[in-house]
Amino acid sequence: MSTTVTEKPAGSAPETGSRRRLLHGLPWLVVRQHRTALVCILGLTLLCAFWIVYERHQLIQLLDAKGWPEKDAGQPMENNRGYEYVTTILGGLPLILAVFIGAPLIAGDQENGTAQLVTTQSVTRRQWLIAKLALAYTLALVSGVVLSVLFTWWWEPYRSVFLSDWIDGAIFDNTGPVLPAFLLFLTAAGVTIGVLVRRVLPAMVGAFLFTIITTMFIWDEVRVRLGTTQMFTYPMDSELPARFDDAYEVDRWVGSADGTLYGWGTCAEATDKAQNACIKEHGIVNDVIEYLDYSQMASMQWIAAGILLAGTALLTAFTLWRVSRRPL
C-alpha cells in the first residue's frame, strides 16, 4: 500500500496552532499576568460609556417634551440617580486605577519573586518595567479618553440644566483632557508607592490614602487657582447681567465711588438704620465680584492636564531610576 505525501505549496498559511499572536514575548506575558484587572477596568469603562449614552438620550427626550430651550425645563437633573451614578463612577475611577492597577503592578512582582525570575531571563529590568508601565498607562489613557469624550458630549450642550457648576469636580475633572491626565497621574503614583513599599497590601493602602488626600483636599484648592480672576463692579441692589450666569464667583466685596473695596459684611449690622449709616459713612455705592468666566474653562483644563502629565513624567522617571538602581 503506497502512501501519498502532499507537499504544502510555498507561501501557504501556517497551521492555526502556529499562527503568530498579536502580542508575544514580554507584552503577552504582562497582559496575561494582569488579564483579570484588564478585563474588569475595560468592562467598567464600557458599562459607563453605554450608561452615559443612555442618560443623554433620556435627557434629550425629557427636554424636548418640556419645550426646552424656548421654555423653562426646571431642574431635570435634580435627584437624577443615573447622573449621580455616572459621576460617582467617574469620580471613583482614579481611585480604582491607583489602588488596584498601579499599587500592585510592581509591588506584586517584587513580593512574590516574579520580578527576579523574569529579569534573570533574557529580559532586562528596564524592558520589564516599561512593558508593565505601558499596560497600566494604556489602560488609564484609553479609559480616560473614552469616558471624558462621552461625558463632555453629554454635558456641554445641556450644561445649563445640570446642577453642578463647570468649576465643580464632577464637571471640570471629568470633561476635556483632565480625566485621562488624572488617571495617568494617579496610576503612576500608585506604581511609585508600590515600588517604594514593595508589598501589595501596604502599597494599596498607601495609594488609597494618597488618592483621597489628592482628590478631596489638595486638588479642590488647586483647581480654582488655575485661572485668572476678573473683577466686575455694578450698582448696589441691582442684578448681575445675564452673561454672568456661567461665571464662578470667587469672592465678593462692596466698594465706594473712588474704587475702595470693603468686605462684604462691612455694613451687615442688625438694623436697617445702622446699615444705612455705615453705607453712608464709607460712601459705599457698588457691589463688586471677583469671578472666573466660563470661557476660561478650556485653558484651565489644559493647564491642569499639563500639571498632571508633568507629575506623571516625574513619577515615571523616578520609578525607572529606582528599579534600575535598587535590588528587586
Protein backbone atom coordinates (compact mmCIF):
# COMPACT_ATOMS: atom_id res chain seq x y z
CA MET A 1 0.00 0.00 0.00
CA SER A 2 1.55 3.25 -1.07
CA THR A 3 1.43 6.48 0.92
CA THR A 4 0.98 9.77 -0.87
CA VAL A 5 2.79 12.75 0.66
CA THR A 6 1.20 16.07 -0.19
CA GLU A 7 3.60 18.96 -0.02
CA LYS A 8 2.34 22.31 1.15
CA PRO A 9 2.62 24.99 -1.56
CA ALA A 10 5.18 27.72 -0.97
CA GLY A 11 3.74 30.75 0.77
CA SER A 12 0.73 28.88 2.15
CA ALA A 13 -0.66 29.91 5.55
CA PRO A 14 0.79 28.14 8.61
CA GLU A 15 -1.25 25.85 10.77
CA THR A 16 -3.64 27.53 13.19
CA GLY A 17 -1.71 26.41 16.25
CA SER A 18 1.47 28.01 14.95
CA ARG A 19 -0.01 31.36 13.98
CA ARG A 20 1.78 34.31 15.49
CA ARG A 21 -0.10 36.07 18.26
CA LEU A 22 -0.86 39.79 18.07
CA LEU A 23 1.11 40.08 21.30
CA HIS A 24 4.07 37.89 22.02
CA GLY A 25 7.04 37.81 24.32
CA LEU A 26 7.08 40.20 27.25
CA PRO A 27 3.95 42.23 26.31
CA TRP A 28 1.96 38.99 26.05
CA LEU A 29 3.28 37.86 29.45
CA VAL A 30 2.30 41.18 31.08
CA VAL A 31 -1.19 41.18 29.57
CA ARG A 32 -1.75 37.57 30.59
CA GLN A 33 -0.50 38.27 34.11
CA HIS A 34 -2.93 41.16 34.58
CA ARG A 35 -5.78 39.94 32.39
CA THR A 36 -8.33 39.94 35.23
CA ALA A 37 -7.70 43.58 36.12
CA LEU A 38 -7.61 44.46 32.42
CA VAL A 39 -10.99 42.87 31.73
CA CYS A 40 -12.55 44.47 34.83
CA ILE A 41 -11.41 48.02 34.01
CA LEU A 42 -12.36 47.74 30.34
CA GLY A 43 -15.72 46.24 31.32
CA LEU A 44 -16.37 49.09 33.76
CA THR A 45 -15.41 51.61 31.08
CA LEU A 46 -17.75 50.01 28.55
CA LEU A 47 -20.62 49.87 31.04
CA CYS A 48 -20.17 53.52 32.00
CA ALA A 49 -19.93 54.52 28.33
CA PHE A 50 -23.24 52.85 27.48
CA TRP A 51 -24.79 54.38 30.59
CA ILE A 52 -23.75 57.90 29.54
CA VAL A 53 -25.21 57.38 26.05
CA TYR A 54 -28.48 56.14 27.58
CA GLU A 55 -28.74 59.00 30.09
CA ARG A 56 -28.08 61.59 27.40
CA HIS A 57 -30.85 60.09 25.27
CA GLN A 58 -33.20 60.23 28.26
CA LEU A 59 -32.29 63.86 28.96
CA ILE A 60 -32.90 64.90 25.36
CA GLN A 61 -36.34 63.28 25.36
CA LEU A 62 -37.24 64.99 28.65
CA LEU A 63 -36.08 68.42 27.46
CA ASP A 64 -37.90 68.05 24.14
CA ALA A 65 -41.10 67.16 25.97
CA LYS A 66 -40.80 70.33 28.07
CA GLY A 67 -40.08 72.55 25.07
CA TRP A 68 -36.53 73.45 26.12
CA PRO A 69 -34.80 75.82 25.43
CA GLU A 70 -37.76 78.02 24.49
CA LYS A 71 -39.46 77.04 27.75
CA ASP A 72 -38.01 76.62 31.21
CA ALA A 73 -37.28 72.94 31.83
CA GLY A 74 -36.93 73.34 35.59
CA GLN A 75 -34.21 71.14 37.13
CA PRO A 76 -34.42 67.83 35.26
CA MET A 77 -31.11 66.61 36.77
CA GLU A 78 -32.26 67.07 40.35
CA ASN A 79 -32.50 63.68 42.09
CA ASN A 80 -31.41 62.03 38.84
CA ARG A 81 -29.90 58.78 40.04
CA GLY A 82 -28.40 57.95 36.65
CA TYR A 83 -26.36 61.16 36.68
CA GLU A 84 -25.33 60.55 40.28
CA TYR A 85 -24.20 57.01 39.49
CA VAL A 86 -22.19 58.12 36.44
CA THR A 87 -20.40 60.91 38.31
CA THR A 88 -19.74 58.54 41.22
CA ILE A 89 -18.12 56.00 38.88
CA LEU A 90 -16.06 58.69 37.14
CA GLY A 91 -15.00 60.12 40.49
CA GLY A 92 -14.04 56.67 41.76
CA LEU A 93 -12.16 55.55 38.64
CA PRO A 94 -8.88 57.31 39.61
CA LEU A 95 -9.03 55.56 42.97
CA ILE A 96 -9.66 52.17 41.34
CA LEU A 97 -6.73 52.55 38.96
CA ALA A 98 -4.35 53.82 41.63
CA VAL A 99 -5.22 51.12 44.17
CA PHE A 100 -5.96 48.05 42.04
CA ILE A 101 -3.76 48.66 38.97
CA GLY A 102 -0.92 50.96 39.99
CA ALA A 103 -0.08 49.81 43.52
CA PRO A 104 0.17 46.02 42.82
CA LEU A 105 1.76 46.41 39.37
CA ILE A 106 5.39 46.24 40.53
CA ALA A 107 4.91 45.54 44.23
CA GLY A 108 3.16 42.24 43.44
CA ASP A 109 6.08 41.03 41.35
CA GLN A 110 8.56 42.12 44.00
CA GLU A 111 6.64 40.44 46.78
CA ASN A 112 6.15 37.05 45.09
CA GLY A 113 9.52 36.92 43.34
CA THR A 114 8.23 37.18 39.76
CA ALA A 115 10.41 40.24 39.14
CA GLN A 116 13.59 38.33 39.96
CA LEU A 117 12.50 35.37 37.82
CA VAL A 118 11.66 37.45 34.76
CA THR A 119 14.79 39.59 34.89
CA THR A 120 17.08 36.58 35.15
CA GLN A 121 15.96 35.52 31.69
CA SER A 122 16.72 37.44 28.50
CA VAL A 123 14.74 40.48 29.69
CA THR A 124 16.37 43.49 31.34
CA ARG A 125 14.85 45.30 34.28
CA ARG A 126 14.10 48.34 32.15
CA GLN A 127 12.33 46.27 29.47
CA TRP A 128 10.27 44.51 32.11
CA LEU A 129 9.30 47.80 33.80
CA ILE A 130 8.48 49.56 30.52
CA ALA A 131 6.20 46.68 29.48
CA LYS A 132 4.38 46.85 32.83
CA LEU A 133 4.02 50.62 32.73
CA ALA A 134 2.87 50.55 29.10
CA LEU A 135 -0.03 48.28 30.03
CA ALA A 136 -1.11 50.36 33.02
CA TYR A 137 -0.77 53.70 31.22
CA THR A 138 -2.53 52.49 28.08
CA LEU A 139 -5.41 51.22 30.18
CA ALA A 140 -5.65 54.55 32.04
CA LEU A 141 -5.43 56.57 28.83
CA VAL A 142 -7.99 54.57 26.87
CA SER A 143 -10.48 54.52 29.74
CA GLY A 144 -9.99 58.23 30.45
CA VAL A 145 -10.26 59.41 26.86
CA VAL A 146 -13.38 57.36 26.08
CA LEU A 147 -15.27 58.42 29.19
CA SER A 148 -14.14 62.04 29.04
CA VAL A 149 -15.25 62.41 25.41
CA LEU A 150 -18.64 60.87 26.13
CA PHE A 151 -19.25 62.84 29.32
CA THR A 152 -18.29 66.11 27.58
CA TRP A 153 -20.65 65.18 24.73
CA TRP A 154 -23.44 64.72 27.30
CA TRP A 155 -22.77 67.77 29.45
CA GLU A 156 -21.65 70.62 27.21
CA PRO A 157 -24.77 71.21 25.08
CA TYR A 158 -27.02 70.99 28.14
CA ARG A 159 -24.80 72.48 30.85
CA SER A 160 -27.47 74.99 31.87
CA VAL A 161 -29.74 72.21 33.16
CA PHE A 162 -27.02 70.39 35.15
CA LEU A 163 -26.85 71.04 38.87
CA SER A 164 -23.07 71.30 39.15
CA ASP A 165 -21.16 74.42 38.09
CA TRP A 166 -18.45 73.98 35.48
CA ILE A 167 -15.74 74.54 38.11
CA ASP A 168 -17.00 71.70 40.32
CA GLY A 169 -15.01 68.48 40.31
CA ALA A 170 -17.95 66.48 38.93
CA ILE A 171 -17.74 68.53 35.71
CA PHE A 172 -14.24 70.03 35.48
CA ASP A 173 -12.38 66.82 36.31
CA ASN A 174 -14.48 64.58 34.05
CA THR A 175 -14.51 66.61 30.84
CA GLY A 176 -11.81 67.62 28.39
CA PRO A 177 -8.23 66.43 28.96
CA VAL A 178 -8.38 66.37 32.76
CA LEU A 179 -9.81 62.88 33.31
CA PRO A 180 -7.21 60.94 31.25
CA ALA A 181 -4.42 63.06 32.75
CA PHE A 182 -5.73 62.42 36.25
CA LEU A 183 -5.94 58.68 35.64
CA LEU A 184 -2.37 58.62 34.33
CA PHE A 185 -1.06 60.63 37.28
CA LEU A 186 -2.74 58.58 39.99
CA THR A 187 -1.82 55.31 38.28
CA ALA A 188 1.81 56.49 38.22
CA ALA A 189 1.52 57.49 41.88
CA GLY A 190 0.20 54.03 42.75
CA VAL A 191 3.08 52.39 40.88
CA THR A 192 5.64 54.59 42.64
CA ILE A 193 4.18 53.84 46.06
CA GLY A 194 4.28 50.14 45.24
CA VAL A 195 7.94 50.34 44.20
CA LEU A 196 8.84 52.09 47.44
CA VAL A 197 6.79 49.86 49.77
CA ARG A 198 7.46 46.55 47.89
CA ARG A 199 4.41 44.85 49.47
CA VAL A 200 0.98 44.73 47.85
CA LEU A 201 -1.37 45.40 50.77
CA PRO A 202 0.60 48.31 52.29
CA ALA A 203 1.05 49.74 48.78
CA MET A 204 -2.70 49.61 48.15
CA VAL A 205 -3.40 51.32 51.46
CA GLY A 206 -0.81 53.99 50.66
CA ALA A 207 -2.27 54.54 47.18
CA PHE A 208 -5.76 54.78 48.66
CA LEU A 209 -4.72 57.45 51.19
CA PHE A 210 -2.71 59.39 48.59
CA THR A 211 -5.65 59.42 46.17
CA ILE A 212 -8.17 60.50 48.82
CA ILE A 213 -5.95 63.34 50.05
CA THR A 214 -5.16 64.47 46.50
CA THR A 215 -8.69 64.39 45.08
CA MET A 216 -10.66 65.56 48.12
CA PHE A 217 -8.37 68.19 49.63
CA ILE A 218 -5.41 69.30 47.52
CA TRP A 219 -6.98 69.30 44.04
CA ASP A 220 -10.02 71.32 45.08
CA GLU A 221 -7.68 74.12 46.14
CA VAL A 222 -5.53 73.84 43.02
CA ARG A 223 -8.45 73.84 40.57
CA VAL A 224 -9.78 77.33 41.33
CA ARG A 225 -6.27 78.80 41.12
CA LEU A 226 -5.68 77.65 37.55
CA GLY A 227 -7.47 80.63 36.01
CA THR A 228 -7.00 84.39 36.17
CA THR A 229 -9.79 86.02 38.15
CA GLN A 230 -11.55 89.14 36.89
CA MET A 231 -13.39 91.92 38.71
CA PHE A 232 -16.79 93.37 37.91
CA THR A 233 -18.39 96.37 39.60
CA TYR A 234 -22.09 97.12 39.46
CA PRO A 235 -24.52 99.35 41.41
CA MET A 236 -25.69 98.12 44.79
CA ASP A 237 -29.01 96.28 44.99
CA SER A 238 -29.06 95.66 41.23
CA GLU A 239 -28.97 92.34 39.42
CA LEU A 240 -25.89 90.91 37.76
CA PRO A 241 -26.14 90.85 33.94
CA ALA A 242 -27.23 87.54 32.42
CA ARG A 243 -23.75 86.97 30.96
CA PHE A 244 -22.55 86.13 34.46
CA ASP A 245 -24.87 83.13 34.78
CA ASP A 246 -21.99 80.82 33.86
CA ALA A 247 -19.40 82.68 35.93
CA TYR A 248 -17.91 81.18 39.09
CA GLU A 249 -17.85 83.69 41.94
CA VAL A 250 -14.55 83.56 43.82
CA ASP A 251 -15.16 86.45 46.23
CA ARG A 252 -17.40 89.44 46.76
CA TRP A 253 -16.96 92.97 48.15
CA VAL A 254 -18.70 96.31 48.40
CA GLY A 255 -17.00 99.44 47.10
CA SER A 256 -17.10 103.21 47.19
CA ALA A 257 -17.21 105.53 44.20
CA ASP A 258 -13.44 106.07 44.33
CA GLY A 259 -12.78 102.32 43.99
CA THR A 260 -12.05 101.50 47.65
CA LEU A 261 -13.13 97.96 48.48
CA TYR A 262 -14.61 96.74 51.75
CA GLY A 263 -15.50 93.26 52.91
CA TRP A 264 -18.97 92.01 52.01
CA GLY A 265 -20.05 92.05 55.66
CA THR A 266 -18.67 95.52 56.47
CA CYS A 267 -22.09 97.06 56.96
CA ALA A 268 -24.04 93.93 57.85
CA GLU A 269 -25.35 95.30 61.15
CA ALA A 270 -28.58 94.13 62.70
CA THR A 271 -30.80 97.12 61.88
CA ASP A 272 -31.52 98.89 58.62
CA LYS A 273 -30.76 102.25 60.24
CA ALA A 274 -27.29 101.13 61.28
CA GLN A 275 -26.65 99.63 57.87
CA ASN A 276 -27.66 102.86 56.11
CA ALA A 277 -25.43 104.91 58.39
CA CYS A 278 -22.46 102.60 57.74
CA ILE A 279 -23.02 102.68 53.98
CA LYS A 280 -23.18 106.48 54.03
CA GLU A 281 -20.09 106.76 56.24
CA HIS A 282 -17.97 104.64 53.90
CA GLY A 283 -19.50 106.01 50.72
CA ILE A 284 -20.48 102.52 49.53
CA VAL A 285 -22.33 102.60 46.23
CA ASN A 286 -21.25 99.43 44.40
CA ASP A 287 -21.19 95.67 44.69
CA VAL A 288 -18.00 94.03 43.38
CA ILE A 289 -17.42 90.40 42.45
CA GLU A 290 -14.22 88.54 41.67
CA TYR A 291 -15.01 85.73 39.25
CA LEU A 292 -13.78 83.13 36.81
CA ASP A 293 -15.53 83.17 33.47
CA TYR A 294 -16.71 80.02 31.72
CA SER A 295 -14.64 81.00 28.68
CA GLN A 296 -11.52 80.19 30.74
CA MET A 297 -12.57 76.58 31.34
CA ALA A 298 -10.74 75.07 28.35
CA SER A 299 -7.43 76.83 29.10
CA MET A 300 -7.72 75.93 32.80
CA GLN A 301 -8.29 72.29 31.90
CA TRP A 302 -5.22 72.17 29.66
CA ILE A 303 -3.13 73.76 32.41
CA ALA A 304 -4.45 71.15 34.83
CA ALA A 305 -3.69 68.36 32.37
CA GLY A 306 -0.18 69.75 31.86
CA ILE A 307 0.48 69.75 35.61
CA LEU A 308 -0.79 66.20 35.97
CA LEU A 309 1.18 64.93 32.97
CA ALA A 310 4.33 66.59 34.29
CA GLY A 311 3.73 64.83 37.60
CA THR A 312 3.26 61.55 35.73
CA ALA A 313 6.56 62.03 33.90
CA LEU A 314 8.42 62.79 37.14
CA LEU A 315 6.96 59.78 38.94
CA THR A 316 7.72 57.52 35.98
CA ALA A 317 11.31 58.76 35.78
CA PHE A 318 11.77 58.19 39.50
CA THR A 319 10.31 54.68 39.25
CA LEU A 320 12.63 53.78 36.35
CA TRP A 321 15.64 55.10 38.28
CA ARG A 322 14.63 53.32 41.49
CA VAL A 323 14.07 49.93 39.87
CA SER A 324 17.25 50.21 37.80
CA ARG A 325 19.44 51.06 40.81
CA ARG A 326 17.98 49.07 43.70
CA PRO A 327 17.73 45.31 44.25
CA LEU A 328 14.42 43.75 43.25
